[in-house]
Amino acid sequence: MEKRILGIILTLLGVAGLIYAGISFMNGGGSAKNVKAIIFSGVLGAVFFSAGIGLIKNTNDKAS
């Protein structure tokens, strides 16, 4: 059960990172600092999201 909870947390963090990257991208600002932040948060969000989905998908529930 703990793996499934960790998967949910990672998925939510991934979604938050992807939303932050999208909002930052839509707000514009072509400075190098902003582009690095968008890339960093987008990649990190994608990694967290895929790891969380993988944990949720591969964890088996056992009757207790």
N, C-alpha and C. Protein backbone atom coordinates (compact mmCIF):
# COMPACT_ATOMS: atom_id res chain seq x y z
N MET A 1 0.82 -1.19 0.00
CA MET A 1 0.00 0.00 0.00
C MET A 1 0.87 1.26 0.00
N GLU A 2 2.03 1.19 0.63
CA GLU A 2 2.90 2.37 0.69
C GLU A 2 3.41 2.77 -0.68
N LYS A 3 3.66 1.79 -1.54
CA LYS A 3 4.13 2.10 -2.89
C LYS A 3 3.06 2.83 -3.68
N ARG A 4 1.81 2.44 -3.48
CA ARG A 4 0.73 3.09 -4.20
C ARG A 4 0.58 4.55 -3.74
N ILE A 5 0.73 4.79 -2.45
CA ILE A 5 0.65 6.16 -1.93
C ILE A 5 1.81 6.99 -2.46
N LEU A 6 3.00 6.41 -2.49
CA LEU A 6 4.16 7.11 -3.05
C LEU A 6 3.94 7.39 -4.54
N GLY A 7 3.32 6.46 -5.25
CA GLY A 7 3.01 6.67 -6.65
C GLY A 7 2.04 7.83 -6.85
N ILE A 8 1.04 7.92 -5.99
CA ILE A 8 0.08 9.02 -6.08
C ILE A 8 0.78 10.35 -5.81
N ILE A 9 1.64 10.39 -4.81
CA ILE A 9 2.36 11.62 -4.47
C ILE A 9 3.27 12.03 -5.63
N LEU A 10 4.00 11.08 -6.20
CA LEU A 10 4.89 11.40 -7.32
C LEU A 10 4.10 11.87 -8.53
N THR A 11 2.94 11.26 -8.77
CA THR A 11 2.11 11.68 -9.89
C THR A 11 1.62 13.10 -9.70
N LEU A 12 1.18 13.44 -8.50
CA LEU A 12 0.71 14.80 -8.22
C LEU A 12 1.84 15.82 -8.34
N LEU A 13 3.03 15.46 -7.87
CA LEU A 13 4.18 16.36 -8.02
C LEU A 13 4.54 16.54 -9.49
N GLY A 14 4.44 15.47 -10.25
CA GLY A 14 4.71 15.56 -11.68
C GLY A 14 3.72 16.45 -12.41
N VAL A 15 2.45 16.31 -12.07
CA VAL A 15 1.43 17.16 -12.68
C VAL A 15 1.67 18.62 -12.32
N ALA A 16 2.02 18.87 -11.06
CA ALA A 16 2.30 20.25 -10.63
C ALA A 16 3.49 20.83 -11.38
N GLY A 17 4.54 20.04 -11.57
CA GLY A 17 5.71 20.50 -12.33
C GLY A 17 5.39 20.79 -13.78
N LEU A 18 4.58 19.94 -14.39
CA LEU A 18 4.19 20.16 -15.78
C LEU A 18 3.30 21.39 -15.92
N ILE A 19 2.40 21.59 -14.97
CA ILE A 19 1.54 22.78 -15.00
C ILE A 19 2.38 24.03 -14.82
N TYR A 20 3.34 23.99 -13.89
CA TYR A 20 4.22 25.14 -13.69
C TYR A 20 5.01 25.46 -14.95
N ALA A 21 5.53 24.43 -15.61
CA ALA A 21 6.28 24.65 -16.85
C ALA A 21 5.38 25.25 -17.93
N GLY A 22 4.15 24.76 -18.02
CA GLY A 22 3.22 25.30 -19.01
C GLY A 22 2.86 26.75 -18.75
N ILE A 23 2.62 27.09 -17.49
CA ILE A 23 2.28 28.47 -17.14
C ILE A 23 3.47 29.38 -17.40
N SER A 24 4.67 28.94 -17.04
CA SER A 24 5.87 29.74 -17.28
C SER A 24 6.09 29.95 -18.77
N PHE A 25 5.83 28.91 -19.55
CA PHE A 25 5.99 29.02 -21.00
C PHE A 25 4.98 30.00 -21.59
N MET A 26 3.76 29.94 -21.13
CA MET A 26 2.71 30.80 -21.67
C MET A 26 2.91 32.27 -21.25
N ASN A 27 3.52 32.50 -20.10
CA ASN A 27 3.76 33.87 -19.65
C ASN A 27 4.88 34.54 -20.42
N GLY A 28 5.65 33.78 -21.14
CA GLY A 28 6.70 34.34 -21.99
C GLY A 28 7.96 34.65 -21.21
N GLY A 29 8.70 35.58 -21.72
CA GLY A 29 9.99 35.90 -21.11
C GLY A 29 11.07 35.06 -21.73
N GLY A 30 11.86 35.66 -22.60
CA GLY A 30 12.84 34.89 -23.33
C GLY A 30 14.22 34.87 -22.71
N SER A 31 14.32 35.24 -21.45
CA SER A 31 15.65 35.24 -20.84
C SER A 31 16.14 33.81 -20.65
N ALA A 32 17.45 33.67 -20.61
CA ALA A 32 18.06 32.35 -20.48
C ALA A 32 17.66 31.69 -19.16
N LYS A 33 17.50 32.50 -18.12
CA LYS A 33 17.12 31.97 -16.81
C LYS A 33 15.72 31.36 -16.87
N ASN A 34 14.80 32.02 -17.57
CA ASN A 34 13.43 31.53 -17.66
C ASN A 34 13.36 30.26 -18.51
N VAL A 35 14.12 30.21 -19.57
CA VAL A 35 14.12 29.01 -20.42
C VAL A 35 14.67 27.82 -19.65
N LYS A 36 15.73 28.02 -18.88
CA LYS A 36 16.29 26.94 -18.07
C LYS A 36 15.28 26.46 -17.04
N ALA A 37 14.56 27.38 -16.43
CA ALA A 37 13.56 26.99 -15.43
C ALA A 37 12.43 26.20 -16.06
N ILE A 38 12.00 26.60 -17.26
CA ILE A 38 10.93 25.89 -17.95
C ILE A 38 11.38 24.47 -18.31
N ILE A 39 12.57 24.34 -18.85
CA ILE A 39 13.09 23.03 -19.23
C ILE A 39 13.27 22.15 -18.00
N PHE A 40 13.86 22.71 -16.95
CA PHE A 40 14.11 21.95 -15.73
C PHE A 40 12.80 21.45 -15.11
N SER A 41 11.83 22.35 -14.95
CA SER A 41 10.58 21.94 -14.31
C SER A 41 9.79 21.00 -15.20
N GLY A 42 9.85 21.18 -16.51
CA GLY A 42 9.15 20.28 -17.42
C GLY A 42 9.73 18.88 -17.40
N VAL A 43 11.04 18.76 -17.45
CA VAL A 43 11.69 17.45 -17.44
C VAL A 43 11.48 16.77 -16.09
N LEU A 44 11.65 17.51 -15.01
CA LEU A 44 11.45 16.94 -13.68
C LEU A 44 10.00 16.52 -13.48
N GLY A 45 9.07 17.32 -13.94
CA GLY A 45 7.66 16.97 -13.84
C GLY A 45 7.34 15.71 -14.64
N ALA A 46 7.91 15.60 -15.84
CA ALA A 46 7.68 14.41 -16.66
C ALA A 46 8.25 13.15 -16.02
N VAL A 47 9.43 13.27 -15.41
CA VAL A 47 10.04 12.13 -14.74
C VAL A 47 9.21 11.70 -13.54
N PHE A 48 8.79 12.65 -12.71
CA PHE A 48 7.96 12.33 -11.55
C PHE A 48 6.64 11.72 -11.97
N PHE A 49 6.02 12.29 -13.01
CA PHE A 49 4.74 11.80 -13.47
C PHE A 49 4.85 10.36 -13.97
N SER A 50 5.86 10.09 -14.78
CA SER A 50 6.00 8.73 -15.32
C SER A 50 6.38 7.73 -14.22
N ALA A 51 7.19 8.14 -13.27
CA ALA A 51 7.54 7.25 -12.16
C ALA A 51 6.32 6.95 -11.30
N GLY A 52 5.51 7.96 -11.03
CA GLY A 52 4.30 7.76 -10.23
C GLY A 52 3.30 6.86 -10.91
N ILE A 53 3.09 7.08 -12.20
CA ILE A 53 2.16 6.23 -12.95
C ILE A 53 2.68 4.79 -12.98
N GLY A 54 3.98 4.63 -13.15
CA GLY A 54 4.56 3.29 -13.15
C GLY A 54 4.38 2.58 -11.83
N LEU A 55 4.54 3.30 -10.72
CA LEU A 55 4.34 2.69 -9.40
C LEU A 55 2.89 2.30 -9.19
N ILE A 56 1.98 3.16 -9.58
CA ILE A 56 0.56 2.86 -9.40
C ILE A 56 0.16 1.65 -10.26
N LYS A 57 0.67 1.62 -11.47
CA LYS A 57 0.31 0.57 -12.42
C LYS A 57 0.86 -0.80 -12.00
N ASN A 58 2.07 -0.84 -11.49
CA ASN A 58 2.74 -2.10 -11.21
C ASN A 58 2.56 -2.61 -9.78
N THR A 59 1.88 -1.85 -8.93
CA THR A 59 1.67 -2.29 -7.56
C THR A 59 0.39 -3.10 -7.47
N ASN A 60 0.50 -4.28 -6.91
CA ASN A 60 -0.66 -5.15 -6.76
C ASN A 60 -1.31 -4.92 -5.40
N ASP A 61 -2.62 -4.87 -5.39
CA ASP A 61 -3.34 -4.77 -4.13
C ASP A 61 -3.57 -6.17 -3.57
N LYS A 62 -3.35 -6.29 -2.28
CA LYS A 62 -3.60 -7.57 -1.63
C LYS A 62 -4.72 -7.37 -0.62
N ALA A 63 -5.57 -8.34 -0.53
CA ALA A 63 -6.65 -8.28 0.46
C ALA A 63 -6.06 -8.39 1.85
N SER A 64 -6.52 -7.53 2.75
CA SER A 64 -5.97 -7.57 4.12
C SER A 64 -6.97 -8.09 5.11
